[in-house]
């Protein structure tokens, strides 16, 4: 399979020899430009077999370039086989690996979105069934506080054992006040009733969605959502009582 009908075979061989001897970046760039149409063709074939409709061709091409660069770095022209033959598997492999990583990240993002939606739904009940709240701003503030407490639990790494803290320490919130707040939340969480503590621990520590927690605890998903809301409200009230945080604004 030829890269281009306009390529001078002897000139390409000389370019490979020069690059093998010097490894100069300028020569590598010339090789990349020379074989980029081949990588594009390989990416187009893989793109035609894609399983994610929302992935752009440029994503495939970018991973194809990565495979091309790796192939150029490792190719040994003295072995006698064509570069395209050697590069094809590496380009395909780079695209497949890239798409696998993309799929994993995409699923993690989707799972995080579903978790946030489930939390919001649990905090919004039973107000949703009662219609529009009389105090809209107060209602929104309640939702915001509930979500904030939940995310503080999730992002703090507070449940890790002491020997693990060095590996899981959260560097996002390094303020003294926020550290103290997280410690207070931990103490309040330890004092929650059994089921409330279980739900919060499963959801924020182990990242389990409500339906999986429901199966584990042999309860309905609706009951898990109710326990989740009650637990966050208890934590919020505990923080109010200790004046660690002024929720009143």
C-alpha atoms as a PDB file:
ATOM      1  CA  UNK A   1       0.000   0.000   0.000  1.00  0.00           C
ATOM      2  CA  UNK A   2       1.686   3.194  -1.125  1.00  0.00           C
ATOM      3  CA  UNK A   3       1.559   6.361   0.891  1.00  0.00           C
ATOM      4  CA  UNK A   4       1.453   8.570  -2.167  1.00  0.00           C
ATOM      5  CA  UNK A   5       2.101   8.083  -5.864  1.00  0.00           C
ATOM      6  CA  UNK A   6       4.332  11.161  -5.813  1.00  0.00           C
ATOM      7  CA  UNK A   7       6.836   9.786  -3.289  1.00  0.00           C
ATOM      8  CA  UNK A   8      10.313   9.088  -4.540  1.00  0.00           C
ATOM      9  CA  UNK A   9      11.174   5.674  -3.055  1.00  0.00           C
ATOM     10  CA  UNK A  10      14.908   6.287  -3.094  1.00  0.00           C
ATOM     11  CA  UNK A  11      14.470   9.678  -1.451  1.00  0.00           C
ATOM     12  CA  UNK A  12      12.322   8.126   1.302  1.00  0.00           C
ATOM     13  CA  UNK A  13      14.968   5.464   1.904  1.00  0.00           C
ATOM     14  CA  UNK A  14      17.596   8.179   2.206  1.00  0.00           C
ATOM     15  CA  UNK A  15      15.408  10.084   4.660  1.00  0.00           C
ATOM     16  CA  UNK A  16      15.034   7.002   6.845  1.00  0.00           C
ATOM     17  CA  UNK A  17      18.780   6.405   6.789  1.00  0.00           C
ATOM     18  CA  UNK A  18      19.467  10.001   7.769  1.00  0.00           C
ATOM     19  CA  UNK A  19      16.968   9.876  10.598  1.00  0.00           C
ATOM     20  CA  UNK A  20      18.291   6.557  11.898  1.00  0.00           C
ATOM     21  CA  UNK A  21      21.786   8.038  12.029  1.00  0.00           C
ATOM     22  CA  UNK A  22      20.994  11.433  13.563  1.00  0.00           C
ATOM     23  CA  UNK A  23      17.509  11.235  15.147  1.00  0.00           C
ATOM     24  CA  UNK A  24      17.113  14.901  14.346  1.00  0.00           C
ATOM     25  CA  UNK A  25      13.657  16.320  15.174  1.00  0.00           C
ATOM     26  CA  UNK A  26      13.499  18.082  11.804  1.00  0.00           C
ATOM     27  CA  UNK A  27      13.853  14.774   9.978  1.00  0.00           C
ATOM     28  CA  UNK A  28      11.237  13.182  12.184  1.00  0.00           C
ATOM     29  CA  UNK A  29       8.822  15.986  11.326  1.00  0.00           C
ATOM     30  CA  UNK A  30       9.438  15.374   7.635  1.00  0.00           C
ATOM     31  CA  UNK A  31       8.608  11.707   8.110  1.00  0.00           C
ATOM     32  CA  UNK A  32       5.470  12.575  10.041  1.00  0.00           C
ATOM     33  CA  UNK A  33       4.312  14.871   7.250  1.00  0.00           C
ATOM     34  CA  UNK A  34       5.135  12.213   4.683  1.00  0.00           C
ATOM     35  CA  UNK A  35       3.121   9.451   6.370  1.00  0.00           C
ATOM     36  CA  UNK A  36       0.327  11.521   7.862  1.00  0.00           C
ATOM     37  CA  UNK A  37      -2.013  10.744   4.919  1.00  0.00           C
ATOM     38  CA  UNK A  38      -1.506   7.054   5.712  1.00  0.00           C
ATOM     39  CA  UNK A  39      -2.388   7.625   9.379  1.00  0.00           C
ATOM     40  CA  UNK A  40      -5.424   9.624   8.288  1.00  0.00           C
ATOM     41  CA  UNK A  41      -6.561   6.756   6.094  1.00  0.00           C
ATOM     42  CA  UNK A  42      -6.180   4.279   8.961  1.00  0.00           C
ATOM     43  CA  UNK A  43      -8.084   6.617  11.281  1.00  0.00           C
ATOM     44  CA  UNK A  44     -10.872   6.970   8.723  1.00  0.00           C
ATOM     45  CA  UNK A  45     -11.273   3.197   8.549  1.00  0.00           C
ATOM     46  CA  UNK A  46     -11.472   2.915  12.315  1.00  0.00           C
ATOM     47  CA  UNK A  47     -13.852   5.871  12.466  1.00  0.00           C
ATOM     48  CA  UNK A  48     -16.173   4.062  10.081  1.00  0.00           C
ATOM     49  CA  UNK A  49     -16.436   1.228  12.632  1.00  0.00           C
ATOM     50  CA  UNK A  50     -16.975   3.511  15.622  1.00  0.00           C
ATOM     51  CA  UNK A  51     -19.434   2.598  18.359  1.00  0.00           C
ATOM     52  CA  UNK A  52     -19.688   6.076  19.927  1.00  0.00           C
ATOM     53  CA  UNK A  53     -21.742   8.353  17.711  1.00  0.00           C
ATOM     54  CA  UNK A  54     -20.631  11.497  19.570  1.00  0.00           C
ATOM     55  CA  UNK A  55     -16.903  10.965  18.925  1.00  0.00           C
ATOM     56  CA  UNK A  56     -15.378  13.254  16.307  1.00  0.00           C
ATOM     57  CA  UNK A  57     -13.082  12.083  13.533  1.00  0.00           C
ATOM     58  CA  UNK A  58     -10.408  14.454  14.825  1.00  0.00           C
ATOM     59  CA  UNK A  59     -10.235  12.350  18.013  1.00  0.00           C
ATOM     60  CA  UNK A  60      -9.457   9.258  15.948  1.00  0.00           C
ATOM     61  CA  UNK A  61      -6.934  11.176  13.898  1.00  0.00           C
ATOM     62  CA  UNK A  62      -5.203  12.489  16.995  1.00  0.00           C
ATOM     63  CA  UNK A  63      -4.734   8.977  18.362  1.00  0.00           C
ATOM     64  CA  UNK A  64      -3.604   7.904  14.895  1.00  0.00           C
ATOM     65  CA  UNK A  65      -0.880  10.573  15.015  1.00  0.00           C
ATOM     66  CA  UNK A  66       0.260   9.222  18.376  1.00  0.00           C
ATOM     67  CA  UNK A  67       0.602   5.751  16.875  1.00  0.00           C
ATOM     68  CA  UNK A  68       2.392   7.174  13.859  1.00  0.00           C
ATOM     69  CA  UNK A  69       4.948   8.978  16.009  1.00  0.00           C
ATOM     70  CA  UNK A  70       5.574   5.827  18.025  1.00  0.00           C
ATOM     71  CA  UNK A  71       6.016   3.802  14.844  1.00  0.00           C
ATOM     72  CA  UNK A  72       8.490   6.305  13.405  1.00  0.00           C
ATOM     73  CA  UNK A  73      10.509   6.248  16.623  1.00  0.00           C
ATOM     74  CA  UNK A  74      10.761   2.442  16.640  1.00  0.00           C
ATOM     75  CA  UNK A  75      10.915   1.525  12.971  1.00  0.00           C
ATOM     76  CA  UNK A  76      14.082  -0.186  11.767  1.00  0.00           C
ATOM     77  CA  UNK A  77      14.336   0.123   7.989  1.00  0.00           C
ATOM     78  CA  UNK A  78      17.259  -2.324   7.902  1.00  0.00           C
ATOM     79  CA  UNK A  79      14.900  -5.226   8.573  1.00  0.00           C
ATOM     80  CA  UNK A  80      13.540  -4.940   5.075  1.00  0.00           C
ATOM     81  CA  UNK A  81       9.779  -4.611   5.563  1.00  0.00           C
ATOM     82  CA  UNK A  82       7.751  -1.575   4.581  1.00  0.00           C
ATOM     83  CA  UNK A  83       7.054   1.127   7.100  1.00  0.00           C
ATOM     84  CA  UNK A  84       3.307   1.036   6.382  1.00  0.00           C
ATOM     85  CA  UNK A  85       3.184  -2.649   7.303  1.00  0.00           C
ATOM     86  CA  UNK A  86       4.947  -1.963  10.589  1.00  0.00           C
ATOM     87  CA  UNK A  87       3.015   1.214  11.364  1.00  0.00           C
ATOM     88  CA  UNK A  88      -0.485  -0.090  10.638  1.00  0.00           C
ATOM     89  CA  UNK A  89      -0.741  -2.206  13.782  1.00  0.00           C
ATOM     90  CA  UNK A  90       0.691   0.542  15.974  1.00  0.00           C
ATOM     91  CA  UNK A  91      -1.658   3.169  14.569  1.00  0.00           C
ATOM     92  CA  UNK A  92      -4.654   0.875  15.009  1.00  0.00           C
ATOM     93  CA  UNK A  93      -3.495  -0.028  18.508  1.00  0.00           C
ATOM     94  CA  UNK A  94      -3.098   3.619  19.510  1.00  0.00           C
ATOM     95  CA  UNK A  95      -6.593   4.419  18.246  1.00  0.00           C
ATOM     96  CA  UNK A  96      -8.142   1.448  20.039  1.00  0.00           C
ATOM     97  CA  UNK A  97      -6.346   2.302  23.290  1.00  0.00           C
ATOM     98  CA  UNK A  98      -7.373   5.938  22.980  1.00  0.00           C
ATOM     99  CA  UNK A  99     -10.996   5.053  22.371  1.00  0.00           C
ATOM    100  CA  UNK A 100     -10.971   2.634  25.298  1.00  0.00           C
ATOM    101  CA  UNK A 101      -9.711   5.402  27.574  1.00  0.00           C
ATOM    102  CA  UNK A 102     -12.250   7.802  26.055  1.00  0.00           C
ATOM    103  CA  UNK A 103     -15.058   5.329  26.749  1.00  0.00           C
ATOM    104  CA  UNK A 104     -13.941   4.891  30.339  1.00  0.00           C
ATOM    105  CA  UNK A 105     -13.775   8.636  30.973  1.00  0.00           C
ATOM    106  CA  UNK A 106     -17.081   9.151  29.174  1.00  0.00           C
ATOM    107  CA  UNK A 107     -18.748   6.531  31.390  1.00  0.00           C
ATOM    108  CA  UNK A 108     -17.249   8.059  34.538  1.00  0.00           C
ATOM    109  CA  UNK A 109     -18.591  11.478  33.560  1.00  0.00           C
ATOM    110  CA  UNK A 110     -22.000   9.989  32.797  1.00  0.00           C
ATOM    111  CA  UNK A 111     -22.022   8.099  36.114  1.00  0.00           C
ATOM    112  CA  UNK A 112     -21.106  11.280  38.000  1.00  0.00           C
ATOM    113  CA  UNK A 113     -23.917  13.138  36.241  1.00  0.00           C
ATOM    114  CA  UNK A 114     -26.413  10.425  37.149  1.00  0.00           C
ATOM    115  CA  UNK A 115     -25.259  10.510  40.784  1.00  0.00           C
ATOM    116  CA  UNK A 116     -25.733  14.285  40.991  1.00  0.00           C
ATOM    117  CA  UNK A 117     -29.176  13.985  39.431  1.00  0.00           C
ATOM    118  CA  UNK A 118     -30.146  11.311  41.951  1.00  0.00           C
ATOM    119  CA  UNK A 119     -28.934  13.471  44.849  1.00  0.00           C
ATOM    120  CA  UNK A 120     -30.823  16.481  43.576  1.00  0.00           C
ATOM    121  CA  UNK A 121     -33.974  14.412  43.112  1.00  0.00           C
ATOM    122  CA  UNK A 122     -33.767  13.074  46.674  1.00  0.00           C
ATOM    123  CA  UNK A 123     -33.375  16.588  48.082  1.00  0.00           C
ATOM    124  CA  UNK A 124     -36.191  17.955  45.931  1.00  0.00           C
ATOM    125  CA  UNK A 125     -38.752  15.480  47.283  1.00  0.00           C
ATOM    126  CA  UNK A 126     -41.414  15.853  48.523  1.00  0.00           C
ATOM    127  CA  UNK A 127     -41.520  19.484  47.381  1.00  0.00           C
ATOM    128  CA  UNK A 128     -41.893  18.370  43.758  1.00  0.00           C
ATOM    129  CA  UNK A 129     -45.171  16.637  44.530  1.00  0.00           C
ATOM    130  CA  UNK A 130     -46.473  19.686  46.415  1.00  0.00           C
ATOM    131  CA  UNK A 131     -45.992  22.100  43.542  1.00  0.00           C
ATOM    132  CA  UNK A 132     -44.094  25.383  43.472  1.00  0.00           C
ATOM    133  CA  UNK A 133     -42.628  26.346  46.880  1.00  0.00           C
ATOM    134  CA  UNK A 134     -43.889  29.491  48.585  1.00  0.00           C
ATOM    135  CA  UNK A 135     -40.307  30.573  49.336  1.00  0.00           C
ATOM    136  CA  UNK A 136     -38.418  29.820  46.131  1.00  0.00           C
ATOM    137  CA  UNK A 137     -35.112  31.272  47.287  1.00  0.00           C
ATOM    138  CA  UNK A 138     -35.292  29.403  50.568  1.00  0.00           C
ATOM    139  CA  UNK A 139     -36.072  26.200  48.704  1.00  0.00           C
ATOM    140  CA  UNK A 140     -33.104  26.666  46.372  1.00  0.00           C
ATOM    141  CA  UNK A 141     -30.884  27.436  49.347  1.00  0.00           C
ATOM    142  CA  UNK A 142     -31.932  24.147  50.960  1.00  0.00           C
ATOM    143  CA  UNK A 143     -30.968  22.265  47.780  1.00  0.00           C
ATOM    144  CA  UNK A 144     -27.647  24.078  47.557  1.00  0.00           C
ATOM    145  CA  UNK A 145     -26.791  23.335  51.177  1.00  0.00           C
ATOM    146  CA  UNK A 146     -27.655  19.670  50.784  1.00  0.00           C
ATOM    147  CA  UNK A 147     -25.521  19.310  47.673  1.00  0.00           C
ATOM    148  CA  UNK A 148     -22.658  21.254  49.272  1.00  0.00           C
ATOM    149  CA  UNK A 149     -22.583  18.989  52.319  1.00  0.00           C
ATOM    150  CA  UNK A 150     -22.697  15.947  50.052  1.00  0.00           C
ATOM    151  CA  UNK A 151     -19.825  17.114  47.916  1.00  0.00           C
ATOM    152  CA  UNK A 152     -17.815  17.995  51.018  1.00  0.00           C
ATOM    153  CA  UNK A 153     -18.222  14.392  52.114  1.00  0.00           C
ATOM    154  CA  UNK A 154     -17.293  13.052  48.710  1.00  0.00           C
ATOM    155  CA  UNK A 155     -14.247  15.221  48.082  1.00  0.00           C
ATOM    156  CA  UNK A 156     -12.665  15.175  51.518  1.00  0.00           C
ATOM    157  CA  UNK A 157     -11.354  11.623  51.585  1.00  0.00           C
ATOM    158  CA  UNK A 158     -12.317  11.693  55.257  1.00  0.00           C
ATOM    159  CA  UNK A 159     -13.091   7.984  55.468  1.00  0.00           C
ATOM    160  CA  UNK A 160      -9.638   6.793  54.488  1.00  0.00           C
ATOM    161  CA  UNK A 161      -7.682   5.016  57.180  1.00  0.00           C
ATOM    162  CA  UNK A 162      -4.794   7.058  58.690  1.00  0.00           C
ATOM    163  CA  UNK A 163      -2.171   5.083  56.792  1.00  0.00           C
ATOM    164  CA  UNK A 164      -3.953   5.832  53.529  1.00  0.00           C
ATOM    165  CA  UNK A 165      -4.370   9.548  54.024  1.00  0.00           C
ATOM    166  CA  UNK A 166      -1.016  10.353  52.437  1.00  0.00           C
ATOM    167  CA  UNK A 167      -2.156   8.706  49.226  1.00  0.00           C
ATOM    168  CA  UNK A 168      -5.672  10.118  49.152  1.00  0.00           C
ATOM    169  CA  UNK A 169      -5.205  13.534  50.648  1.00  0.00           C
ATOM    170  CA  UNK A 170      -7.336  16.171  48.958  1.00  0.00           C
ATOM    171  CA  UNK A 171      -5.231  19.193  48.018  1.00  0.00           C
ATOM    172  CA  UNK A 172      -8.165  21.201  46.682  1.00  0.00           C
ATOM    173  CA  UNK A 173      -9.276  22.565  50.021  1.00  0.00           C
ATOM    174  CA  UNK A 174      -6.256  23.530  52.074  1.00  0.00           C
ATOM    175  CA  UNK A 175      -7.846  26.346  54.098  1.00  0.00           C
ATOM    176  CA  UNK A 176      -7.795  25.885  57.858  1.00  0.00           C
ATOM    177  CA  UNK A 177     -11.504  26.668  58.208  1.00  0.00           C
ATOM    178  CA  UNK A 178     -12.484  24.126  55.590  1.00  0.00           C
ATOM    179  CA  UNK A 179     -10.287  21.491  57.194  1.00  0.00           C
ATOM    180  CA  UNK A 180     -12.019  22.141  60.476  1.00  0.00           C
ATOM    181  CA  UNK A 181     -15.393  21.976  58.772  1.00  0.00           C
ATOM    182  CA  UNK A 182     -14.588  18.609  57.238  1.00  0.00           C
ATOM    183  CA  UNK A 183     -13.499  17.276  60.618  1.00  0.00           C
ATOM    184  CA  UNK A 184     -16.789  18.474  62.096  1.00  0.00           C
ATOM    185  CA  UNK A 185     -18.748  16.776  59.307  1.00  0.00           C
ATOM    186  CA  UNK A 186     -16.850  13.555  59.988  1.00  0.00           C
ATOM    187  CA  UNK A 187     -17.761  13.716  63.684  1.00  0.00           C
ATOM    188  CA  UNK A 188     -21.393  14.408  62.845  1.00  0.00           C
ATOM    189  CA  UNK A 189     -21.447  11.578  60.335  1.00  0.00           C
ATOM    190  CA  UNK A 190     -20.141   9.123  62.906  1.00  0.00           C
ATOM    191  CA  UNK A 191     -23.134  10.073  65.041  1.00  0.00           C
ATOM    192  CA  UNK A 192     -25.767   9.432  62.384  1.00  0.00           C
ATOM    193  CA  UNK A 193     -28.239   6.572  62.859  1.00  0.00           C
ATOM    194  CA  UNK A 194     -27.143   3.280  61.310  1.00  0.00           C
ATOM    195  CA  UNK A 195     -29.032   3.318  58.013  1.00  0.00           C
ATOM    196  CA  UNK A 196     -28.396   6.990  57.400  1.00  0.00           C
ATOM    197  CA  UNK A 197     -24.675   6.486  57.918  1.00  0.00           C
ATOM    198  CA  UNK A 198     -24.700   3.421  55.670  1.00  0.00           C
ATOM    199  CA  UNK A 199     -26.355   5.247  52.795  1.00  0.00           C
ATOM    200  CA  UNK A 200     -23.999   8.219  53.000  1.00  0.00           C
ATOM    201  CA  UNK A 201     -20.939   5.983  53.302  1.00  0.00           C
ATOM    202  CA  UNK A 202     -21.917   3.761  50.387  1.00  0.00           C
ATOM    203  CA  UNK A 203     -22.833   6.673  48.159  1.00  0.00           C
ATOM    204  CA  UNK A 204     -19.994   9.111  48.835  1.00  0.00           C
ATOM    205  CA  UNK A 205     -17.167   6.784  49.833  1.00  0.00           C
ATOM    206  CA  UNK A 206     -17.758   3.839  47.546  1.00  0.00           C
ATOM    207  CA  UNK A 207     -19.458   5.857  44.800  1.00  0.00           C
ATOM    208  CA  UNK A 208     -22.421   3.475  44.640  1.00  0.00           C
ATOM    209  CA  UNK A 209     -25.609   4.708  42.965  1.00  0.00           C
ATOM    210  CA  UNK A 210     -28.866   4.621  44.865  1.00  0.00           C
ATOM    211  CA  UNK A 211     -30.246   1.562  43.070  1.00  0.00           C
ATOM    212  CA  UNK A 212     -27.208  -0.542  44.029  1.00  0.00           C
ATOM    213  CA  UNK A 213     -27.421   0.625  47.638  1.00  0.00           C
ATOM    214  CA  UNK A 214     -31.089  -0.327  47.617  1.00  0.00           C
ATOM    215  CA  UNK A 215     -30.213  -3.860  46.524  1.00  0.00           C
ATOM    216  CA  UNK A 216     -27.488  -4.186  49.154  1.00  0.00           C
ATOM    217  CA  UNK A 217     -29.695  -2.923  51.979  1.00  0.00           C
ATOM    218  CA  UNK A 218     -32.815  -4.672  50.648  1.00  0.00           C
ATOM    219  CA  UNK A 219     -34.777  -1.431  50.539  1.00  0.00           C
ATOM    220  CA  UNK A 220     -36.518   0.436  47.749  1.00  0.00           C
ATOM    221  CA  UNK A 221     -34.662   3.073  45.773  1.00  0.00           C
ATOM    222  CA  UNK A 222     -37.184   5.616  47.027  1.00  0.00           C
ATOM    223  CA  UNK A 223     -36.374   4.725  50.614  1.00  0.00           C
ATOM    224  CA  UNK A 224     -32.653   5.113  49.939  1.00  0.00           C
ATOM    225  CA  UNK A 225     -33.285   8.556  48.459  1.00  0.00           C
ATOM    226  CA  UNK A 226     -35.294   9.468  51.553  1.00  0.00           C
ATOM    227  CA  UNK A 227     -32.528   8.271  53.892  1.00  0.00           C
ATOM    228  CA  UNK A 228     -29.988  10.230  51.855  1.00  0.00           C
ATOM    229  CA  UNK A 229     -31.972  13.440  52.199  1.00  0.00           C
ATOM    230  CA  UNK A 230     -32.578  12.911  55.906  1.00  0.00           C
ATOM    231  CA  UNK A 231     -28.885  12.228  56.512  1.00  0.00           C
ATOM    232  CA  UNK A 232     -27.766  15.423  54.771  1.00  0.00           C
ATOM    233  CA  UNK A 233     -30.395  17.431  56.637  1.00  0.00           C
ATOM    234  CA  UNK A 234     -29.130  16.009  59.941  1.00  0.00           C
ATOM    235  CA  UNK A 235     -25.564  16.956  58.995  1.00  0.00           C
ATOM    236  CA  UNK A 236     -26.686  20.432  58.041  1.00  0.00           C
ATOM    237  CA  UNK A 237     -28.557  20.903  61.294  1.00  0.00           C
ATOM    238  CA  UNK A 238     -25.552  19.665  63.213  1.00  0.00           C
ATOM    239  CA  UNK A 239     -23.367  22.243  61.519  1.00  0.00           C
ATOM    240  CA  UNK A 240     -25.885  24.956  62.306  1.00  0.00           C
ATOM    241  CA  UNK A 241     -25.930  23.960  65.948  1.00  0.00           C
ATOM    242  CA  UNK A 242     -22.154  24.169  66.257  1.00  0.00           C
ATOM    243  CA  UNK A 243     -22.021  27.469  64.332  1.00  0.00           C
ATOM    244  CA  UNK A 244     -19.221  26.072  62.143  1.00  0.00           C
ATOM    245  CA  UNK A 245     -20.912  27.549  59.116  1.00  0.00           C
ATOM    246  CA  UNK A 246     -23.400  30.403  58.827  1.00  0.00           C
ATOM    247  CA  UNK A 247     -26.090  28.977  56.568  1.00  0.00           C
ATOM    248  CA  UNK A 248     -28.302  31.989  57.008  1.00  0.00           C
ATOM    249  CA  UNK A 249     -25.992  34.183  54.919  1.00  0.00           C
END
